[in-house]
PDB file of all heavy atoms in Angstrom:
ATOM      1  N   GLY A   1     -19.506   2.523 -10.435  1.00  0.00           N
ATOM      2  CA  GLY A   1     -18.439   1.550 -10.631  1.00  0.00           C
ATOM      3  C   GLY A   1     -17.523   1.411  -9.430  1.00  0.00           C
ATOM      4  O   GLY A   1     -16.314   1.201  -9.573  1.00  0.00           O
ATOM      5  N   GLU A   2     -18.080   1.541  -8.224  1.00  0.00           N
ATOM      6  CA  GLU A   2     -17.265   1.449  -7.015  1.00  0.00           C
ATOM      7  C   GLU A   2     -16.717   0.027  -6.834  1.00  0.00           C
ATOM      8  O   GLU A   2     -17.313  -0.949  -7.292  1.00  0.00           O
ATOM      9  CB  GLU A   2     -18.084   1.850  -5.784  1.00  0.00           C
ATOM     10  CG  GLU A   2     -18.424   3.329  -5.739  1.00  0.00           C
ATOM     11  CD  GLU A   2     -19.087   3.729  -4.439  1.00  0.00           C
ATOM     12  OE1 GLU A   2     -19.048   2.940  -3.466  1.00  0.00           O
ATOM     13  OE2 GLU A   2     -19.649   4.843  -4.385  1.00  0.00           O
ATOM     14  N   VAL A   3     -15.584  -0.056  -6.142  1.00  0.00           N
ATOM     15  CA  VAL A   3     -14.965  -1.361  -5.876  1.00  0.00           C
ATOM     16  C   VAL A   3     -14.991  -1.626  -4.376  1.00  0.00           C
ATOM     17  O   VAL A   3     -15.260  -0.731  -3.565  1.00  0.00           O
ATOM     18  CB  VAL A   3     -13.512  -1.415  -6.393  1.00  0.00           C
ATOM     19  CG1 VAL A   3     -13.470  -1.224  -7.892  1.00  0.00           C
ATOM     20  CG2 VAL A   3     -12.652  -0.361  -5.704  1.00  0.00           C
ATOM     21  N   LEU A   4     -14.677  -2.851  -4.017  1.00  0.00           N
ATOM     22  CA  LEU A   4     -14.646  -3.262  -2.614  1.00  0.00           C
ATOM     23  C   LEU A   4     -13.663  -2.385  -1.834  1.00  0.00           C
ATOM     24  O   LEU A   4     -12.525  -2.191  -2.252  1.00  0.00           O
ATOM     25  CB  LEU A   4     -14.230  -4.736  -2.552  1.00  0.00           C
ATOM     26  CG  LEU A   4     -14.396  -5.475  -1.224  1.00  0.00           C
ATOM     27  CD1 LEU A   4     -15.866  -5.598  -0.866  1.00  0.00           C
ATOM     28  CD2 LEU A   4     -13.769  -6.858  -1.328  1.00  0.00           C
ATOM     29  N   ARG A   5     -14.115  -1.845  -0.723  1.00  0.00           N
ATOM     30  CA  ARG A   5     -13.300  -0.911   0.058  1.00  0.00           C
ATOM     31  C   ARG A   5     -11.955  -1.517   0.462  1.00  0.00           C
ATOM     32  O   ARG A   5     -10.908  -0.861   0.356  1.00  0.00           O
ATOM     33  CB  ARG A   5     -14.056  -0.487   1.320  1.00  0.00           C
ATOM     34  CG  ARG A   5     -13.317   0.556   2.152  1.00  0.00           C
ATOM     35  CD  ARG A   5     -14.180   1.043   3.291  1.00  0.00           C
ATOM     36  NE  ARG A   5     -14.470  -0.029   4.227  1.00  0.00           N
ATOM     37  CZ  ARG A   5     -15.535  -0.051   5.035  1.00  0.00           C
ATOM     38  NH1 ARG A   5     -16.423   0.909   4.958  1.00  0.00           N
ATOM     39  NH2 ARG A   5     -15.715  -1.038   5.868  1.00  0.00           N
ATOM     40  N   GLU A   6     -11.962  -2.771   0.911  1.00  0.00           N
ATOM     41  CA  GLU A   6     -10.722  -3.409   1.340  1.00  0.00           C
ATOM     42  C   GLU A   6      -9.752  -3.618   0.181  1.00  0.00           C
ATOM     43  O   GLU A   6      -8.532  -3.534   0.361  1.00  0.00           O
ATOM     44  CB  GLU A   6     -11.022  -4.734   2.031  1.00  0.00           C
ATOM     45  CG  GLU A   6     -11.670  -4.619   3.394  1.00  0.00           C
ATOM     46  CD  GLU A   6     -13.159  -4.347   3.360  1.00  0.00           C
ATOM     47  OE1 GLU A   6     -13.726  -4.313   2.238  1.00  0.00           O
ATOM     48  OE2 GLU A   6     -13.768  -4.186   4.432  1.00  0.00           O
ATOM     49  N   VAL A   7     -10.284  -3.885  -1.010  1.00  0.00           N
ATOM     50  CA  VAL A   7      -9.437  -4.022  -2.200  1.00  0.00           C
ATOM     51  C   VAL A   7      -8.797  -2.676  -2.520  1.00  0.00           C
ATOM     52  O   VAL A   7      -7.598  -2.593  -2.840  1.00  0.00           O
ATOM     53  CB  VAL A   7     -10.254  -4.547  -3.402  1.00  0.00           C
ATOM     54  CG1 VAL A   7      -9.456  -4.399  -4.699  1.00  0.00           C
ATOM     55  CG2 VAL A   7     -10.631  -6.005  -3.189  1.00  0.00           C
ATOM     56  N   LYS A   8      -9.597  -1.617  -2.438  1.00  0.00           N
ATOM     57  CA  LYS A   8      -9.077  -0.276  -2.711  1.00  0.00           C
ATOM     58  C   LYS A   8      -7.983   0.096  -1.710  1.00  0.00           C
ATOM     59  O   LYS A   8      -6.943   0.668  -2.088  1.00  0.00           O
ATOM     60  CB  LYS A   8     -10.219   0.740  -2.663  1.00  0.00           C
ATOM     61  CG  LYS A   8      -9.801   2.157  -3.015  1.00  0.00           C
ATOM     62  CD  LYS A   8     -11.001   3.045  -3.251  1.00  0.00           C
ATOM     63  CE  LYS A   8     -11.835   3.202  -2.012  1.00  0.00           C
ATOM     64  NZ  LYS A   8     -12.956   4.171  -2.222  1.00  0.00           N
ATOM     65  N   ASP A   9      -8.193  -0.238  -0.428  1.00  0.00           N
ATOM     66  CA  ASP A   9      -7.203   0.084   0.606  1.00  0.00           C
ATOM     67  C   ASP A   9      -5.885  -0.640   0.361  1.00  0.00           C
ATOM     68  O   ASP A   9      -4.803  -0.050   0.479  1.00  0.00           O
ATOM     69  CB  ASP A   9      -7.750  -0.301   1.986  1.00  0.00           C
ATOM     70  CG  ASP A   9      -8.881   0.618   2.444  1.00  0.00           C
ATOM     71  OD1 ASP A   9      -9.027   1.715   1.863  1.00  0.00           O
ATOM     72  OD2 ASP A   9      -9.614   0.234   3.378  1.00  0.00           O
ATOM     73  N   VAL A  10      -5.978  -1.930   0.026  1.00  0.00           N
ATOM     74  CA  VAL A  10      -4.767  -2.717  -0.225  1.00  0.00           C
ATOM     75  C   VAL A  10      -4.057  -2.224  -1.480  1.00  0.00           C
ATOM     76  O   VAL A  10      -2.823  -2.100  -1.511  1.00  0.00           O
ATOM     77  CB  VAL A  10      -5.106  -4.219  -0.335  1.00  0.00           C
ATOM     78  CG1 VAL A  10      -3.920  -5.008  -0.876  1.00  0.00           C
ATOM     79  CG2 VAL A  10      -5.515  -4.782   1.021  1.00  0.00           C
ATOM     80  N   ASN A  11      -4.829  -1.945  -2.517  1.00  0.00           N
ATOM     81  CA  ASN A  11      -4.236  -1.430  -3.763  1.00  0.00           C
ATOM     82  C   ASN A  11      -3.514  -0.102  -3.530  1.00  0.00           C
ATOM     83  O   ASN A  11      -2.408   0.125  -4.058  1.00  0.00           O
ATOM     84  CB  ASN A  11      -5.310  -1.243  -4.835  1.00  0.00           C
ATOM     85  CG  ASN A  11      -5.701  -2.540  -5.521  1.00  0.00           C
ATOM     86  OD1 ASN A  11      -4.985  -3.535  -5.427  1.00  0.00           O
ATOM     87  ND2 ASN A  11      -6.823  -2.534  -6.206  1.00  0.00           N
ATOM     88  N   ASN A  12      -4.112   0.785  -2.751  1.00  0.00           N
ATOM     89  CA  ASN A  12      -3.491   2.082  -2.462  1.00  0.00           C
ATOM     90  C   ASN A  12      -2.201   1.914  -1.669  1.00  0.00           C
ATOM     91  O   ASN A  12      -1.194   2.595  -1.939  1.00  0.00           O
ATOM     92  CB  ASN A  12      -4.463   2.984  -1.689  1.00  0.00           C
ATOM     93  CG  ASN A  12      -5.608   3.486  -2.548  1.00  0.00           C
ATOM     94  OD1 ASN A  12      -5.521   3.472  -3.775  1.00  0.00           O
ATOM     95  ND2 ASN A  12      -6.686   3.922  -1.920  1.00  0.00           N
ATOM     96  N   ALA A  13      -2.239   0.998  -0.685  1.00  0.00           N
ATOM     97  CA  ALA A  13      -1.041   0.748   0.127  1.00  0.00           C
ATOM     98  C   ALA A  13       0.068   0.145  -0.732  1.00  0.00           C
ATOM     99  O   ALA A  13       1.252   0.498  -0.581  1.00  0.00           O
ATOM    100  CB  ALA A  13      -1.380  -0.176   1.293  1.00  0.00           C
ATOM    101  N   ALA A  14      -0.296  -0.763  -1.629  1.00  0.00           N
ATOM    102  CA  ALA A  14       0.692  -1.388  -2.522  1.00  0.00           C
ATOM    103  C   ALA A  14       1.289  -0.359  -3.475  1.00  0.00           C
ATOM    104  O   ALA A  14       2.495  -0.353  -3.742  1.00  0.00           O
ATOM    105  CB  ALA A  14       0.043  -2.528  -3.303  1.00  0.00           C
ATOM    106  N   ALA A  15       0.438   0.532  -3.981  1.00  0.00           N
ATOM    107  CA  ALA A  15       0.903   1.576  -4.900  1.00  0.00           C
ATOM    108  C   ALA A  15       1.864   2.528  -4.192  1.00  0.00           C
ATOM    109  O   ALA A  15       2.872   2.970  -4.773  1.00  0.00           O
ATOM    110  CB  ALA A  15      -0.290   2.341  -5.460  1.00  0.00           C
ATOM    111  N   SER A  16       1.565   2.850  -2.934  1.00  0.00           N
ATOM    112  CA  SER A  16       2.444   3.741  -2.164  1.00  0.00           C
ATOM    113  C   SER A  16       3.807   3.105  -1.937  1.00  0.00           C
ATOM    114  O   SER A  16       4.843   3.778  -2.046  1.00  0.00           O
ATOM    115  CB  SER A  16       1.798   4.076  -0.814  1.00  0.00           C
ATOM    116  OG  SER A  16       0.612   4.818  -0.987  1.00  0.00           O
ATOM    117  N   LEU A  17       3.807   1.811  -1.623  1.00  0.00           N
ATOM    118  CA  LEU A  17       5.068   1.104  -1.411  1.00  0.00           C
ATOM    119  C   LEU A  17       5.876   1.032  -2.704  1.00  0.00           C
ATOM    120  O   LEU A  17       7.094   1.279  -2.709  1.00  0.00           O
ATOM    121  CB  LEU A  17       4.796  -0.309  -0.879  1.00  0.00           C
ATOM    122  CG  LEU A  17       6.021  -1.216  -0.675  1.00  0.00           C
ATOM    123  CD1 LEU A  17       7.041  -0.562   0.252  1.00  0.00           C
ATOM    124  CD2 LEU A  17       5.594  -2.578  -0.123  1.00  0.00           C
ATOM    125  N   ALA A  18       5.225   0.712  -3.808  1.00  0.00           N
ATOM    126  CA  ALA A  18       5.909   0.630  -5.096  1.00  0.00           C
ATOM    127  C   ALA A  18       6.487   1.988  -5.485  1.00  0.00           C
ATOM    128  O   ALA A  18       7.607   2.080  -6.004  1.00  0.00           O
ATOM    129  CB  ALA A  18       4.939   0.141  -6.164  1.00  0.00           C
ATOM    130  N   SER A  19       5.739   3.055  -5.229  1.00  0.00           N
ATOM    131  CA  SER A  19       6.195   4.404  -5.559  1.00  0.00           C
ATOM    132  C   SER A  19       7.415   4.785  -4.731  1.00  0.00           C
ATOM    133  O   SER A  19       8.379   5.382  -5.254  1.00  0.00           O
ATOM    134  CB  SER A  19       5.060   5.400  -5.310  1.00  0.00           C
ATOM    135  OG  SER A  19       5.489   6.717  -5.534  1.00  0.00           O
ATOM    136  N   ALA A  20       7.382   4.432  -3.440  1.00  0.00           N
ATOM    137  CA  ALA A  20       8.507   4.751  -2.556  1.00  0.00           C
ATOM    138  C   ALA A  20       9.776   4.037  -3.000  1.00  0.00           C
ATOM    139  O   ALA A  20      10.864   4.623  -3.026  1.00  0.00           O
ATOM    140  CB  ALA A  20       8.155   4.376  -1.118  1.00  0.00           C
ATOM    141  N   MET A  21       9.640   2.770  -3.351  1.00  0.00           N
ATOM    142  CA  MET A  21      10.808   1.999  -3.781  1.00  0.00           C
ATOM    143  C   MET A  21      11.331   2.488  -5.125  1.00  0.00           C
ATOM    144  O   MET A  21      12.546   2.552  -5.350  1.00  0.00           O
ATOM    145  CB  MET A  21      10.450   0.504  -3.864  1.00  0.00           C
ATOM    146  CG  MET A  21      10.307  -0.163  -2.505  1.00  0.00           C
ATOM    147  SD  MET A  21      10.161  -1.959  -2.623  1.00  0.00           S
ATOM    148  CE  MET A  21       8.591  -2.115  -3.456  1.00  0.00           C
ATOM    149  N   ALA A  22      10.431   2.821  -6.036  1.00  0.00           N
ATOM    150  CA  ALA A  22      10.844   3.264  -7.371  1.00  0.00           C
ATOM    151  C   ALA A  22      11.589   4.599  -7.316  1.00  0.00           C
ATOM    152  O   ALA A  22      12.490   4.850  -8.129  1.00  0.00           O
ATOM    153  CB  ALA A  22       9.618   3.391  -8.267  1.00  0.00           C
ATOM    154  N   SER A  23      11.231   5.456  -6.352  1.00  0.00           N
ATOM    155  CA  SER A  23      11.871   6.774  -6.238  1.00  0.00           C
ATOM    156  C   SER A  23      13.080   6.758  -5.326  1.00  0.00           C
ATOM    157  O   SER A  23      13.730   7.802  -5.141  1.00  0.00           O
ATOM    158  CB  SER A  23      10.857   7.800  -5.733  1.00  0.00           C
ATOM    159  OG  SER A  23      10.396   7.439  -4.440  1.00  0.00           O
ATOM    160  N   GLY A  24      13.359   5.592  -4.734  1.00  0.00           N
ATOM    161  CA  GLY A  24      14.520   5.470  -3.854  1.00  0.00           C
ATOM    162  C   GLY A  24      14.293   6.026  -2.470  1.00  0.00           C
ATOM    163  O   GLY A  24      15.237   6.157  -1.676  1.00  0.00           O
ATOM    164  N   GLU A  25      13.061   6.355  -2.130  1.00  0.00           N
ATOM    165  CA  GLU A  25      12.749   6.871  -0.796  1.00  0.00           C
ATOM    166  C   GLU A  25      12.686   5.730   0.217  1.00  0.00           C
ATOM    167  O   GLU A  25      12.641   4.555  -0.142  1.00  0.00           O
ATOM    168  CB  GLU A  25      11.400   7.606  -0.824  1.00  0.00           C
ATOM    169  CG  GLU A  25      11.350   8.794  -1.762  1.00  0.00           C
ATOM    170  CD  GLU A  25       9.962   9.406  -1.848  1.00  0.00           C
ATOM    171  OE1 GLU A  25       9.065   8.900  -1.136  1.00  0.00           O
ATOM    172  OE2 GLU A  25       9.776  10.357  -2.615  1.00  0.00           O
ATOM    173  N   SER A  26      12.662   6.087   1.490  1.00  0.00           N
ATOM    174  CA  SER A  26      12.516   5.078   2.546  1.00  0.00           C
ATOM    175  C   SER A  26      11.149   4.410   2.392  1.00  0.00           C
ATOM    176  O   SER A  26      10.122   5.097   2.281  1.00  0.00           O
ATOM    177  CB  SER A  26      12.619   5.731   3.923  1.00  0.00           C
ATOM    178  OG  SER A  26      12.315   4.783   4.926  1.00  0.00           O
ATOM    179  N   SER A  27      11.146   3.092   2.376  1.00  0.00           N
ATOM    180  CA  SER A  27       9.899   2.350   2.141  1.00  0.00           C
ATOM    181  C   SER A  27       9.391   1.622   3.386  1.00  0.00           C
ATOM    182  O   SER A  27       8.409   0.891   3.316  1.00  0.00           O
ATOM    183  CB  SER A  27      10.108   1.335   1.018  1.00  0.00           C
ATOM    184  OG  SER A  27      11.152   0.439   1.357  1.00  0.00           O
ATOM    185  N   SER A  28      10.057   1.825   4.513  1.00  0.00           N
ATOM    186  CA  SER A  28       9.694   1.064   5.718  1.00  0.00           C
ATOM    187  C   SER A  28       8.274   1.369   6.196  1.00  0.00           C
ATOM    188  O   SER A  28       7.515   0.461   6.544  1.00  0.00           O
ATOM    189  CB  SER A  28      10.699   1.339   6.841  1.00  0.00           C
ATOM    190  OG  SER A  28      10.770   2.733   7.109  1.00  0.00           O
ATOM    191  N   ASP A  29       7.914   2.653   6.210  1.00  0.00           N
ATOM    192  CA  ASP A  29       6.556   3.023   6.658  1.00  0.00           C
ATOM    193  C   ASP A  29       5.496   2.477   5.703  1.00  0.00           C
ATOM    194  O   ASP A  29       4.457   1.948   6.143  1.00  0.00           O
ATOM    195  CB  ASP A  29       6.417   4.542   6.755  1.00  0.00           C
ATOM    196  CG  ASP A  29       7.186   5.119   7.922  1.00  0.00           C
ATOM    197  OD1 ASP A  29       7.580   4.334   8.812  1.00  0.00           O
ATOM    198  OD2 ASP A  29       7.399   6.352   7.944  1.00  0.00           O
ATOM    199  N   ALA A  30       5.755   2.582   4.405  1.00  0.00           N
ATOM    200  CA  ALA A  30       4.799   2.083   3.408  1.00  0.00           C
ATOM    201  C   ALA A  30       4.669   0.561   3.492  1.00  0.00           C
ATOM    202  O   ALA A  30       3.570   0.018   3.325  1.00  0.00           O
ATOM    203  CB  ALA A  30       5.255   2.500   2.008  1.00  0.00           C
ATOM    204  N   ALA A  31       5.791  -0.115   3.775  1.00  0.00           N
ATOM    205  CA  ALA A  31       5.762  -1.577   3.896  1.00  0.00           C
ATOM    206  C   ALA A  31       4.946  -2.002   5.112  1.00  0.00           C
ATOM    207  O   ALA A  31       4.172  -2.959   5.053  1.00  0.00           O
ATOM    208  CB  ALA A  31       7.179  -2.125   4.001  1.00  0.00           C
ATOM    209  N   ARG A  32       5.120  -1.268   6.223  1.00  0.00           N
ATOM    210  CA  ARG A  32       4.350  -1.585   7.438  1.00  0.00           C
ATOM    211  C   ARG A  32       2.863  -1.349   7.213  1.00  0.00           C
ATOM    212  O   ARG A  32       2.017  -2.113   7.702  1.00  0.00           O
ATOM    213  CB  ARG A  32       4.852  -0.752   8.619  1.00  0.00           C
ATOM    214  CG  ARG A  32       6.097  -1.311   9.266  1.00  0.00           C
ATOM    215  CD  ARG A  32       6.339  -0.664  10.620  1.00  0.00           C
ATOM    216  NE  ARG A  32       6.653   0.752  10.485  1.00  0.00           N
ATOM    217  CZ  ARG A  32       7.882   1.241  10.339  1.00  0.00           C
ATOM    218  NH1 ARG A  32       8.916   0.411  10.302  1.00  0.00           N
ATOM    219  NH2 ARG A  32       8.085   2.543  10.238  1.00  0.00           N
ATOM    220  N   GLU A  33       2.532  -0.281   6.467  1.00  0.00           N
ATOM    221  CA  GLU A  33       1.124   0.014   6.192  1.00  0.00           C
ATOM    222  C   GLU A  33       0.495  -1.081   5.330  1.00  0.00           C
ATOM    223  O   GLU A  33      -0.634  -1.509   5.582  1.00  0.00           O
ATOM    224  CB  GLU A  33       0.996   1.373   5.496  1.00  0.00           C
ATOM    225  CG  GLU A  33      -0.420   1.754   5.073  1.00  0.00           C
ATOM    226  CD  GLU A  33      -1.391   1.893   6.228  1.00  0.00           C
ATOM    227  OE1 GLU A  33      -0.945   1.938   7.402  1.00  0.00           O
ATOM    228  OE2 GLU A  33      -2.608   1.954   5.966  1.00  0.00           O
ATOM    229  N   LEU A  34       1.238  -1.535   4.325  1.00  0.00           N
ATOM    230  CA  LEU A  34       0.717  -2.611   3.484  1.00  0.00           C
ATOM    231  C   LEU A  34       0.556  -3.892   4.298  1.00  0.00           C
ATOM    232  O   LEU A  34      -0.449  -4.606   4.150  1.00  0.00           O
ATOM    233  CB  LEU A  34       1.652  -2.866   2.296  1.00  0.00           C
ATOM    234  CG  LEU A  34       1.254  -4.036   1.373  1.00  0.00           C
ATOM    235  CD1 LEU A  34      -0.160  -3.844   0.813  1.00  0.00           C
ATOM    236  CD2 LEU A  34       2.257  -4.185   0.228  1.00  0.00           C
ATOM    237  N   GLU A  35       1.496  -4.168   5.159  1.00  0.00           N
ATOM    238  CA  GLU A  35       1.413  -5.365   6.006  1.00  0.00           C
ATOM    239  C   GLU A  35       0.187  -5.308   6.907  1.00  0.00           C
ATOM    240  O   GLU A  35      -0.519  -6.302   7.097  1.00  0.00           O
ATOM    241  CB  GLU A  35       2.678  -5.493   6.849  1.00  0.00           C
ATOM    242  CG  GLU A  35       2.745  -6.779   7.668  1.00  0.00           C
ATOM    243  CD  GLU A  35       4.062  -6.924   8.414  1.00  0.00           C
ATOM    244  OE1 GLU A  35       4.803  -5.914   8.518  1.00  0.00           O
ATOM    245  OE2 GLU A  35       4.350  -8.031   8.895  1.00  0.00           O
ATOM    246  N   ARG A  36      -0.077  -4.109   7.445  1.00  0.00           N
ATOM    247  CA  ARG A  36      -1.249  -3.938   8.305  1.00  0.00           C
ATOM    248  C   ARG A  36      -2.543  -4.131   7.508  1.00  0.00           C
ATOM    249  O   ARG A  36      -3.465  -4.831   7.965  1.00  0.00           O
ATOM    250  CB  ARG A  36      -1.229  -2.531   8.928  1.00  0.00           C
ATOM    251  CG  ARG A  36      -2.347  -2.285   9.932  1.00  0.00           C
ATOM    252  CD  ARG A  36      -2.325  -0.858  10.442  1.00  0.00           C
ATOM    253  NE  ARG A  36      -2.768   0.088   9.423  1.00  0.00           N
ATOM    254  CZ  ARG A  36      -4.063   0.334   9.160  1.00  0.00           C
ATOM    255  NH1 ARG A  36      -5.017  -0.316   9.812  1.00  0.00           N
ATOM    256  NH2 ARG A  36      -4.381   1.216   8.238  1.00  0.00           N
ATOM    257  N   ARG A  37      -2.594  -3.531   6.330  1.00  0.00           N
ATOM    258  CA  ARG A  37      -3.777  -3.659   5.478  1.00  0.00           C
ATOM    259  C   ARG A  37      -4.009  -5.123   5.081  1.00  0.00           C
ATOM    260  O   ARG A  37      -5.148  -5.602   5.047  1.00  0.00           O
ATOM    261  CB  ARG A  37      -3.613  -2.807   4.221  1.00  0.00           C
ATOM    262  CG  ARG A  37      -3.597  -1.308   4.460  1.00  0.00           C
ATOM    263  CD  ARG A  37      -4.965  -0.780   4.797  1.00  0.00           C
ATOM    264  NE  ARG A  37      -4.972   0.665   4.887  1.00  0.00           N
ATOM    265  CZ  ARG A  37      -6.038   1.385   5.267  1.00  0.00           C
ATOM    266  NH1 ARG A  37      -7.158   0.765   5.577  1.00  0.00           N
ATOM    267  NH2 ARG A  37      -5.974   2.697   5.332  1.00  0.00           N
ATOM    268  N   LEU A  38      -2.932  -5.812   4.772  1.00  0.00           N
ATOM    269  CA  LEU A  38      -3.051  -7.230   4.381  1.00  0.00           C
ATOM    270  C   LEU A  38      -3.543  -8.085   5.536  1.00  0.00           C
ATOM    271  O   LEU A  38      -4.272  -9.065   5.336  1.00  0.00           O
ATOM    272  CB  LEU A  38      -1.712  -7.759   3.873  1.00  0.00           C
ATOM    273  CG  LEU A  38      -1.270  -7.278   2.492  1.00  0.00           C
ATOM    274  CD1 LEU A  38       0.115  -7.831   2.155  1.00  0.00           C
ATOM    275  CD2 LEU A  38      -2.272  -7.696   1.425  1.00  0.00           C
ATOM    276  N   GLY A  39      -3.138  -7.729   6.763  1.00  0.00           N
ATOM    277  CA  GLY A  39      -3.602  -8.470   7.934  1.00  0.00           C
ATOM    278  C   GLY A  39      -5.109  -8.358   8.107  1.00  0.00           C
ATOM    279  O   GLY A  39      -5.802  -9.353   8.362  1.00  0.00           O
ATOM    280  N   VAL A  40      -5.625  -7.130   7.949  1.00  0.00           N
ATOM    281  CA  VAL A  40      -7.074  -6.899   8.027  1.00  0.00           C
ATOM    282  C   VAL A  40      -7.782  -7.628   6.888  1.00  0.00           C
ATOM    283  O   VAL A  40      -8.817  -8.275   7.089  1.00  0.00           O
ATOM    284  CB  VAL A  40      -7.373  -5.381   7.963  1.00  0.00           C
ATOM    285  CG1 VAL A  40      -8.877  -5.144   7.884  1.00  0.00           C
ATOM    286  CG2 VAL A  40      -6.772  -4.668   9.159  1.00  0.00           C
TER     287      VAL A  40
END
């Protein structure tokens, strides 16, 4: 039941950003990572 690698990468980056924001942590690094993944 594997999924598309790029979908998994974007989903993981989005989850990391959401987790950072929900916990009140700095989200700048996670946001940049998601932006990079979305560009690819």
